[in-house]
Protein backbone atom coordinates (compact mmCIF):
# COMPACT_ATOMS: atom_id res chain seq x y z
CA MET A 1 -34.17 105.73 -43.71
CA ALA A 2 -37.73 107.44 -44.77
CA GLN A 3 -41.27 106.61 -42.79
CA LYS A 4 -42.76 103.52 -45.07
CA PRO A 5 -45.94 105.03 -46.89
CA PRO A 6 -48.95 103.19 -44.65
CA LEU A 7 -50.71 99.96 -46.16
CA PRO A 8 -54.02 100.58 -46.55
CA ASN A 9 -56.55 101.86 -43.10
CA ARG A 10 -58.46 98.53 -43.46
CA LYS A 11 -56.82 94.72 -42.22
CA LEU A 12 -55.56 93.15 -44.63
CA LYS A 13 -54.78 88.88 -45.05
CA PRO A 14 -51.21 87.58 -44.31
CA ALA A 15 -50.27 86.70 -47.88
CA THR A 16 -50.80 91.03 -48.31
CA ILE A 17 -48.72 91.36 -45.35
CA ALA A 18 -45.55 89.24 -45.76
CA VAL A 19 -45.41 90.90 -48.95
CA HIS A 20 -45.62 94.77 -48.02
CA ASP A 21 -45.73 95.49 -44.21
CA GLY A 22 -42.81 96.58 -42.12
CA ALA A 23 -40.27 98.55 -45.24
CA LEU A 24 -38.95 101.35 -44.70
CA ARG A 25 -36.81 103.37 -48.04
CA SER A 26 -34.33 105.06 -48.24
CA GLN A 27 -33.95 108.57 -49.75
CA PHE A 28 -33.28 105.89 -53.01
CA GLY A 29 -36.52 104.57 -52.93
CA GLU A 30 -35.04 101.34 -53.61
CA THR A 31 -39.07 98.44 -54.11
CA SER A 32 -36.80 95.47 -52.50
CA GLU A 33 -35.64 96.04 -48.81
CA ALA A 34 -31.96 96.72 -48.35
CA LEU A 35 -29.55 95.13 -46.22
CA PHE A 36 -27.82 96.99 -44.34
CA LEU A 37 -24.83 95.21 -43.75
CA THR A 38 -23.18 98.00 -40.57
CA GLN A 39 -21.66 96.81 -36.91
CA GLY A 40 -22.55 100.25 -35.50
CA TYR A 41 -23.80 103.42 -36.74
CA VAL A 42 -22.01 107.26 -36.74
CA TYR A 43 -24.05 109.77 -34.64
CA GLU A 44 -24.37 113.85 -35.39
CA SER A 45 -23.15 114.91 -31.79
CA MET A 46 -22.27 113.38 -28.89
CA GLU A 47 -24.98 114.77 -27.35
CA GLN A 48 -26.83 112.62 -29.82
CA ALA A 49 -25.08 108.90 -28.41
CA GLU A 50 -25.74 110.25 -25.30
CA ALA A 51 -29.05 110.53 -26.30
CA ARG A 52 -28.84 107.19 -28.95
CA PHE A 53 -28.51 105.20 -24.84
CA ASN A 54 -30.13 106.66 -22.24
CA ASN A 55 -33.19 105.46 -25.74
CA THR A 56 -34.29 109.13 -24.99
CA ASP A 57 -33.87 109.98 -28.94
CA PRO A 58 -35.13 107.34 -30.79
CA GLY A 59 -32.45 105.75 -33.64
CA PHE A 60 -29.37 103.00 -34.02
CA GLN A 61 -27.10 101.90 -31.81
CA TYR A 62 -25.48 99.33 -32.26
CA SER A 63 -26.50 95.85 -34.85
CA ARG A 64 -26.09 93.60 -32.08
CA PHE A 65 -28.96 95.87 -30.44
CA SER A 66 -30.83 96.56 -33.54
CA ASN A 67 -30.46 97.24 -37.31
CA PRO A 68 -32.31 98.30 -40.36
CA THR A 69 -33.16 95.11 -41.83
CA VAL A 70 -33.73 93.12 -39.41
CA SER A 71 -36.15 95.36 -37.73
CA MET A 72 -38.76 95.70 -40.83
CA PHE A 73 -38.36 91.71 -40.74
CA GLU A 74 -39.21 91.87 -36.92
CA GLN A 75 -41.61 94.77 -37.93
CA ARG A 76 -43.45 91.73 -40.52
CA MET A 77 -43.15 89.36 -38.41
CA ALA A 78 -45.07 90.80 -35.61
CA SER A 79 -47.76 91.85 -38.34
CA LEU A 80 -48.16 88.72 -40.32
CA GLU A 81 -48.16 86.81 -36.34
CA GLY A 82 -50.47 89.36 -34.57
CA ALA A 83 -47.65 89.72 -31.95
CA GLU A 84 -47.31 93.61 -30.46
CA ASP A 85 -43.50 93.07 -30.71
CA ALA A 86 -40.75 90.55 -32.24
CA ARG A 87 -37.12 90.20 -31.72
CA GLY A 88 -35.67 88.55 -34.30
CA THR A 89 -32.34 85.70 -33.60
CA ALA A 90 -29.68 84.24 -34.81
CA THR A 91 -31.43 80.82 -34.94
CA GLY A 92 -34.91 79.27 -33.97
CA MET A 93 -33.12 77.88 -30.54
CA ALA A 94 -31.90 80.94 -30.14
CA ALA A 95 -35.84 82.35 -30.37
CA VAL A 96 -36.52 79.15 -27.72
CA THR A 97 -33.48 80.18 -25.10
CA ALA A 98 -34.89 83.50 -25.09
CA SER A 99 -37.68 83.39 -24.44
CA LEU A 100 -37.50 80.66 -21.87
CA LEU A 101 -34.56 82.69 -20.05
CA SER A 102 -35.13 85.96 -20.20
CA TRP A 103 -38.58 85.07 -18.55
CA VAL A 104 -37.74 82.35 -15.28
CA ASN A 105 -35.20 83.08 -12.87
CA ALA A 106 -33.41 80.74 -10.05
CA GLY A 107 -35.95 79.45 -8.05
CA ASP A 108 -38.98 79.46 -10.84
CA HIS A 109 -40.25 76.89 -12.50
CA ILE A 110 -41.10 75.88 -15.99
CA VAL A 111 -43.84 73.20 -16.81
CA ALA A 112 -43.82 71.80 -20.21
CA ALA A 113 -44.88 69.07 -22.62
CA LYS A 114 -42.19 65.53 -22.55
CA ALA A 115 -42.71 65.75 -26.79
CA LEU A 116 -40.51 68.87 -27.99
CA PHE A 117 -37.71 68.76 -30.28
CA GLY A 118 -34.43 67.34 -28.27
CA SER A 119 -33.09 70.40 -28.12
CA CYS A 120 -35.65 72.48 -26.47
CA ARG A 121 -36.56 69.48 -24.25
CA TYR A 122 -31.89 69.87 -23.69
CA ILE A 123 -33.35 73.46 -22.57
CA VAL A 124 -35.94 72.10 -20.06
CA GLU A 125 -34.50 68.93 -18.51
CA ASP A 126 -31.02 70.25 -18.95
CA LEU A 127 -30.06 73.17 -18.67
CA ALA A 128 -32.24 75.01 -16.76
CA PRO A 129 -31.77 72.98 -13.59
CA ARG A 130 -28.82 74.06 -13.04
CA PHE A 131 -29.38 77.99 -12.61
CA GLY A 132 -31.74 76.67 -10.46
CA ILE A 133 -34.84 75.80 -12.52
CA THR A 134 -37.53 73.48 -12.02
CA THR A 135 -38.79 71.49 -14.32
CA THR A 136 -42.11 69.74 -14.83
CA LEU A 137 -42.41 67.70 -17.99
CA VAL A 138 -46.22 65.75 -18.67
CA ASN A 139 -47.72 64.44 -20.90
CA GLY A 140 -48.96 67.58 -23.45
CA ALA A 141 -52.09 65.95 -23.92
CA ASP A 142 -53.42 65.57 -20.34
CA LEU A 143 -54.75 69.23 -19.19
CA ASP A 144 -55.48 66.68 -15.69
CA ALA A 145 -51.62 66.66 -15.83
CA TRP A 146 -50.85 70.19 -16.85
CA ARG A 147 -53.11 71.08 -13.82
CA ALA A 148 -51.48 68.65 -11.60
CA ALA A 149 -47.34 70.32 -12.46
CA VAL A 150 -49.03 73.74 -11.29
CA LYS A 151 -46.89 75.11 -8.90
CA PRO A 152 -45.87 78.01 -6.52
CA ASN A 153 -43.70 78.85 -8.36
CA THR A 154 -44.61 78.44 -11.67
CA LYS A 155 -43.42 80.72 -13.93
CA ALA A 156 -43.39 79.68 -17.19
CA PHE A 157 -45.47 76.12 -19.80
CA PHE A 158 -44.38 75.61 -23.58
CA ILE A 159 -44.98 73.87 -26.31
CA GLU A 160 -44.60 72.63 -29.61
CA THR A 161 -48.04 71.66 -31.81
CA PRO A 162 -47.68 70.26 -33.67
CA THR A 163 -45.21 68.03 -31.42
CA ASN A 164 -42.16 66.82 -33.48
CA PRO A 165 -41.69 64.43 -34.66
CA THR A 166 -45.26 62.54 -34.25
CA LEU A 167 -47.85 65.65 -35.10
CA GLU A 168 -49.30 66.46 -31.76
CA ILE A 169 -51.95 68.21 -31.07
CA TYR A 170 -52.16 70.68 -28.03
CA ASP A 171 -55.31 72.30 -26.59
CA ILE A 172 -53.38 75.74 -26.35
CA ALA A 173 -56.27 77.94 -25.42
CA ALA A 174 -56.76 75.21 -23.06
CA ILE A 175 -53.41 75.29 -21.50
CA ALA A 176 -52.82 78.85 -21.96
CA GLU A 177 -56.41 79.22 -19.39
CA ILE A 178 -54.43 76.27 -17.14
CA ALA A 179 -51.31 79.01 -17.53
CA HIS A 180 -52.74 81.72 -16.87
CA LYS A 181 -54.34 80.99 -13.26
CA ALA A 182 -51.11 80.13 -12.75
CA GLY A 183 -50.55 83.30 -12.93
CA ALA A 184 -48.00 81.40 -16.03
CA LYS A 185 -46.56 82.91 -19.25
CA LEU A 186 -47.74 80.63 -22.07
CA ILE A 187 -45.08 80.09 -25.28
CA VAL A 188 -45.79 77.58 -28.17
CA ASP A 189 -43.36 76.49 -30.61
CA ASN A 190 -45.20 76.87 -34.01
CA VAL A 191 -42.48 76.24 -36.83
CA PHE A 192 -44.83 73.14 -37.73
CA ALA A 193 -47.58 74.95 -37.92
CA THR A 194 -46.10 77.95 -39.74
CA PRO A 195 -47.64 81.50 -39.19
CA ILE A 196 -50.10 80.81 -42.21
CA PHE A 197 -51.60 78.00 -40.99
CA GLN A 198 -52.54 78.34 -36.32
CA LYS A 199 -52.55 81.79 -34.52
CA PRO A 200 -51.02 80.95 -30.92
CA LEU A 201 -51.80 84.75 -29.85
CA ALA A 202 -55.31 84.08 -30.75
CA LEU A 203 -55.57 81.80 -28.80
CA GLY A 204 -54.65 82.87 -26.22
CA ALA A 205 -50.75 81.75 -25.88
CA ASP A 206 -48.36 85.36 -24.23
CA ILE A 207 -45.37 84.81 -25.83
CA VAL A 208 -45.03 82.29 -29.70
CA CYS A 209 -41.48 80.60 -31.26
CA TYR A 210 -40.64 80.01 -34.93
CA SER A 211 -37.26 78.74 -36.30
CA ALA A 212 -37.13 80.55 -39.50
CA THR A 213 -34.84 78.30 -40.62
CA LYS A 214 -38.31 76.79 -41.64
CA HIS A 215 -40.53 77.55 -43.88
CA ILE A 216 -40.10 80.89 -43.89
CA ASP A 217 -36.20 81.16 -44.87
CA GLY A 218 -37.48 78.02 -46.45
CA GLN A 219 -34.85 77.25 -49.63
CA GLY A 220 -32.56 76.08 -47.78
CA ARG A 221 -29.92 78.87 -47.71
CA VAL A 222 -29.71 80.67 -43.27
CA LEU A 223 -30.14 80.32 -40.05
CA GLY A 224 -32.84 82.48 -38.04
CA GLY A 225 -35.50 82.58 -35.01
CA VAL A 226 -37.42 85.16 -33.52
CA VAL A 227 -40.01 85.87 -30.77
CA LEU A 228 -43.13 87.77 -30.96
CA GLY A 229 -44.98 88.67 -27.79
CA SER A 230 -46.64 91.64 -26.45
CA LYS A 231 -44.23 95.09 -26.23
CA GLU A 232 -43.39 94.78 -22.92
CA PHE A 233 -41.69 91.39 -22.32
CA ILE A 234 -39.85 91.44 -25.62
CA SER A 235 -38.55 95.42 -25.21
CA GLY A 236 -38.21 94.95 -21.45
CA PRO A 237 -36.65 91.78 -20.34
CA LEU A 238 -36.97 89.44 -23.57
CA GLN A 239 -34.42 93.13 -25.46
CA MET A 240 -32.51 92.77 -22.27
CA PHE A 241 -31.50 88.92 -22.57
CA VAL A 242 -30.39 89.85 -26.28
CA ARG A 243 -29.00 92.23 -26.02
CA GLN A 244 -26.55 91.68 -23.50
CA THR A 245 -25.74 87.86 -24.31
CA GLY A 246 -25.75 88.54 -28.26
CA PRO A 247 -28.68 86.11 -30.02
CA SER A 248 -28.83 88.31 -32.39
CA LEU A 249 -29.85 88.23 -35.88
CA SER A 250 -27.44 89.32 -38.58
CA PRO A 251 -28.89 91.67 -41.10
CA PHE A 252 -28.25 89.45 -44.56
CA ASN A 253 -30.08 86.43 -43.20
CA ALA A 254 -32.86 89.20 -42.66
CA TRP A 255 -32.70 90.21 -45.62
CA VAL A 256 -32.82 86.33 -46.98
CA MET A 257 -35.60 86.01 -45.04
CA LEU A 258 -38.30 89.36 -45.82
CA LYS A 259 -38.46 87.22 -49.16
CA GLY A 260 -38.97 83.79 -47.56
CA LEU A 261 -41.65 86.37 -46.68
CA GLU A 262 -42.74 87.08 -49.75
CA THR A 263 -43.55 84.17 -50.95
CA LEU A 264 -44.43 82.07 -47.52
CA ALA A 265 -48.40 82.01 -48.96
CA LEU A 266 -47.62 80.57 -51.18
CA ARG A 267 -45.09 77.15 -50.55
CA VAL A 268 -46.83 76.23 -47.76
CA GLU A 269 -50.43 75.78 -49.56
CA LYS A 270 -48.90 74.28 -52.43
CA GLN A 271 -46.51 72.01 -49.53
CA ALA A 272 -49.82 71.01 -47.77
CA ALA A 273 -51.39 70.32 -50.47
CA ASN A 274 -48.93 68.14 -50.91
CA ALA A 275 -48.98 66.01 -47.66
CA ALA A 276 -52.66 66.17 -46.68
CA LYS A 277 -51.95 64.55 -50.57
CA ILE A 278 -48.86 61.74 -49.45
CA ALA A 279 -50.72 60.91 -46.52
CA ASP A 280 -53.70 58.95 -47.51
CA PHE A 281 -51.12 57.78 -50.22
CA LEU A 282 -49.79 56.20 -47.40
CA ALA A 283 -51.86 55.15 -45.46
CA GLY A 284 -53.32 52.83 -47.55
CA HIS A 285 -50.07 51.46 -48.29
CA PRO A 286 -49.66 48.01 -46.97
CA LYS A 287 -45.67 48.33 -46.38
CA ILE A 288 -46.58 51.46 -44.00
CA ALA A 289 -48.19 49.95 -39.60
CA ARG A 290 -49.00 53.96 -39.57
CA VAL A 291 -49.25 57.38 -40.69
CA PHE A 292 -49.66 60.32 -38.68
CA TYR A 293 -50.62 63.74 -40.59
CA PRO A 294 -53.66 66.53 -38.43
CA PHE A 295 -56.40 66.63 -40.53
CA ARG A 296 -56.01 62.98 -41.06
CA ASP A 297 -60.13 61.42 -39.96
CA ASP A 298 -57.82 58.97 -38.38
CA HIS A 299 -55.37 60.92 -35.99
CA PRO A 300 -56.60 60.97 -32.58
CA GLN A 301 -56.65 65.13 -32.30
CA VAL A 302 -58.18 65.68 -35.76
CA ALA A 303 -61.34 67.80 -34.77
CA LEU A 304 -58.59 69.43 -32.46
CA ALA A 305 -56.13 70.21 -35.40
CA ARG A 306 -59.61 71.82 -37.16
CA LYS A 307 -60.41 74.10 -35.19
CA GLN A 308 -56.59 75.33 -34.30
CA MET A 309 -54.85 75.15 -37.36
CA THR A 310 -56.92 76.39 -40.39
CA SER A 311 -54.76 73.10 -42.34
CA GLY A 312 -52.84 69.69 -41.87
CA SER A 313 -49.56 71.71 -43.29
CA THR A 314 -46.34 70.10 -44.27
CA LEU A 315 -45.29 67.21 -42.15
CA VAL A 316 -46.03 63.90 -42.32
CA ALA A 317 -45.11 61.17 -40.05
CA PHE A 318 -45.61 57.34 -40.45
CA ASP A 319 -44.01 53.91 -39.08
CA VAL A 320 -42.96 51.61 -42.37
CA LYS A 321 -43.63 47.62 -41.06
CA GLY A 322 -40.11 46.34 -39.87
CA ALA A 323 -37.18 48.56 -37.32
CA LYS A 324 -34.89 50.66 -37.47
CA ALA A 325 -32.78 48.55 -41.00
CA GLU A 326 -36.33 49.02 -42.69
CA ALA A 327 -36.99 51.93 -42.86
CA PHE A 328 -32.93 52.58 -43.24
CA ARG A 329 -33.18 50.86 -46.35
CA PHE A 330 -36.54 51.89 -47.96
CA GLY A 331 -34.62 55.40 -46.90
CA GLY A 332 -32.10 55.36 -49.19
CA ALA A 333 -33.54 53.51 -51.86
CA LEU A 334 -35.39 57.44 -52.31
CA GLU A 335 -34.31 59.56 -55.40
CA ILE A 336 -36.66 62.95 -54.92
CA VAL A 337 -36.19 62.66 -51.36
CA LYS A 338 -33.45 63.82 -49.55
CA ILE A 339 -31.75 62.76 -46.75
CA THR A 340 -31.64 65.26 -44.00
CA ASN A 341 -32.39 66.37 -40.65
CA ASN A 342 -33.89 70.29 -41.60
CA LEU A 343 -37.32 70.35 -42.90
CA GLY A 344 -39.98 74.03 -44.09
CA ASP A 345 -37.93 73.24 -46.98
CA ALA A 346 -38.93 73.82 -51.00
CA LYS A 347 -36.97 70.36 -51.92
CA SER A 348 -38.91 67.37 -49.54
CA LEU A 349 -36.70 66.31 -46.88
CA ILE A 350 -36.94 63.21 -45.10
CA THR A 351 -35.29 62.08 -41.74
CA HIS A 352 -35.30 59.08 -39.03
CA PRO A 353 -36.09 61.15 -35.33
CA ALA A 354 -35.20 57.82 -33.34
CA THR A 355 -30.57 58.50 -34.53
CA THR A 356 -30.81 61.87 -35.36
CA THR A 357 -33.31 65.02 -34.35
CA HIS A 358 -34.14 62.21 -30.56
CA GLN A 359 -30.84 60.45 -30.78
CA ARG A 360 -29.91 61.45 -27.26
CA LEU A 361 -33.58 60.68 -25.39
CA ALA A 362 -33.11 57.64 -23.37
CA PRO A 363 -34.35 54.48 -25.74
CA GLU A 364 -37.67 54.58 -22.91
CA ALA A 365 -38.81 57.64 -23.32
CA ARG A 366 -38.18 57.67 -26.97
CA ALA A 367 -40.97 54.77 -26.53
CA GLU A 368 -43.19 57.08 -24.37
CA LEU A 369 -43.02 59.93 -27.38
CA GLY A 370 -44.01 57.36 -30.11
CA ILE A 371 -40.88 57.50 -31.16
CA SER A 372 -39.80 54.58 -32.40
CA ASP A 373 -36.68 52.50 -34.87
CA ALA A 374 -39.63 52.45 -37.21
CA LEU A 375 -40.47 55.87 -37.42
CA LEU A 376 -39.74 58.81 -41.02
CA ARG A 377 -40.72 62.28 -40.60
CA LEU A 378 -41.04 63.85 -43.42
CA SER A 379 -41.14 67.73 -44.65
CA VAL A 380 -42.85 68.00 -47.97
CA GLY A 381 -42.01 70.49 -50.69
CA LEU A 382 -43.11 71.81 -53.34
CA GLU A 383 -42.20 69.04 -56.62
CA ASP A 384 -45.03 67.61 -58.19
CA ALA A 385 -46.48 65.60 -55.29
CA ASP A 386 -47.08 62.09 -58.26
CA ASP A 387 -43.18 62.39 -58.81
CA LEU A 388 -43.44 62.28 -54.92
CA ILE A 389 -45.42 59.44 -54.51
CA GLU A 390 -44.47 57.96 -57.06
CA ASP A 391 -40.29 57.85 -55.21
CA LEU A 392 -42.08 57.02 -51.84
CA ASP A 393 -43.55 54.07 -52.95
CA GLY A 394 -40.14 52.59 -55.16
CA ALA A 395 -38.90 53.29 -53.04
CA LEU A 396 -41.65 51.28 -50.17
CA ARG A 397 -41.04 48.11 -52.89
CA THR A 398 -37.56 47.98 -51.73
CA ILE A 399 -38.71 46.32 -47.80
C-alpha cells in the first residue's frame, strides 16, 4: 500500500476533507478508494508476525482489529471532525456502548441527560447498572442539575444534542466545563447535527459518537458507527474494547461510507434548507399544534442553537392537533414521505416516536420529555421542498 500524497498544507474546508482525506492508494493508483475484503493478512516471516502483535512493526493483523479500508474511513472522519483519532464500529449503538463501557468500570458513575434515543437510554439506565456502574439522569438543559448530580466517582457525562426526537439543545461548552471540574469526560452523540453543522470537540467535549448509518451513509444502504476523540483514548481503552469484544466495522460498509462522505456536505446542506422551509410551513398550518426546529425563532433555545451550530440541520418534529389516531391518519395519508424509524436519509422519512423509537419508556417518562401521542419526527430528504410541502399539506387535510 503506497502512502497517500499529502493534501495542501493549509486549513481545508469540511467539503474538501470529506472527499480527499485518508486516501491510501495501492500500486495500481486507483482513483476510488480500494475495498479490502479480507479477514487476515500474510506476514513475510514468523518474526514479522511477532513484531506485528508486539506493535513494533506497523501494519495490519486481523480485520477485527483494523483494516485498510476501515482505516481510510477513520482517518477521513477524524480530519472532518477535528479529532486526533477515530475508530469505526459496526453500528451507531456499538459506538455509544463502546465509548461508555471502554471508559467506565464497576464502581464508577455516569451522569446522562434524560432526553436520549431509546437504546442509548437503555445503555445508561439498564445495562450499565448490571455491571456495578451507577447512573443519574438529569434535565440536560439545567446546568445546576448537572452540577448537583456529580459524585466523587463520576467518570462520564453523556448527552445528545439536538435531542431525539424533540430537538432540545444542550450547552456543550458549559456541560463540558462541569464535567472536567468533576474529573469526568463528556461524550456527545452528534448524529442529529452531523459533523458539518456542529463540532463538539471544539466546544470542549472529549468524545464524539455517530451512527454513520445516518447522514454519513445517508442513502439507506449500510449500518455503521464511529467514535472520535484523543489518540490516548481511541488507541488506548477504546481500541482494546473494540479489539477484544468485536463490534468492528466491516470493510464493505466502510467503503460505502467513504463514498457517502464525498457528498455529505452537499446532501445535508440541501436537506437542512428543505427542513427550514418545511418547519416554517408547518408552524403556520392550522392543524399543527407546535413545531420544533432549532433555528426557528420560536425554539426555546434558538440563541444557543445558533451559537454552537451552523444550521438547524435536517430534522423537524411537530405535534398534530389531536392524539395518536390523528398522527396515524396523517402518516398513513403521506405519499412521498415514507414511514420508517431511520433518519438522515436522502428520502424523507417520518416516524411516531411514542410507538417506535421511544415505546419502551413509561408513559410518564415520555410525557416528561415532551413525547406526546401527537408527536411526529420528520427526517427531511433531498426531494423538492415544494413537493414535500404539498404532500404534508394533503395529509394534514385528512385529520
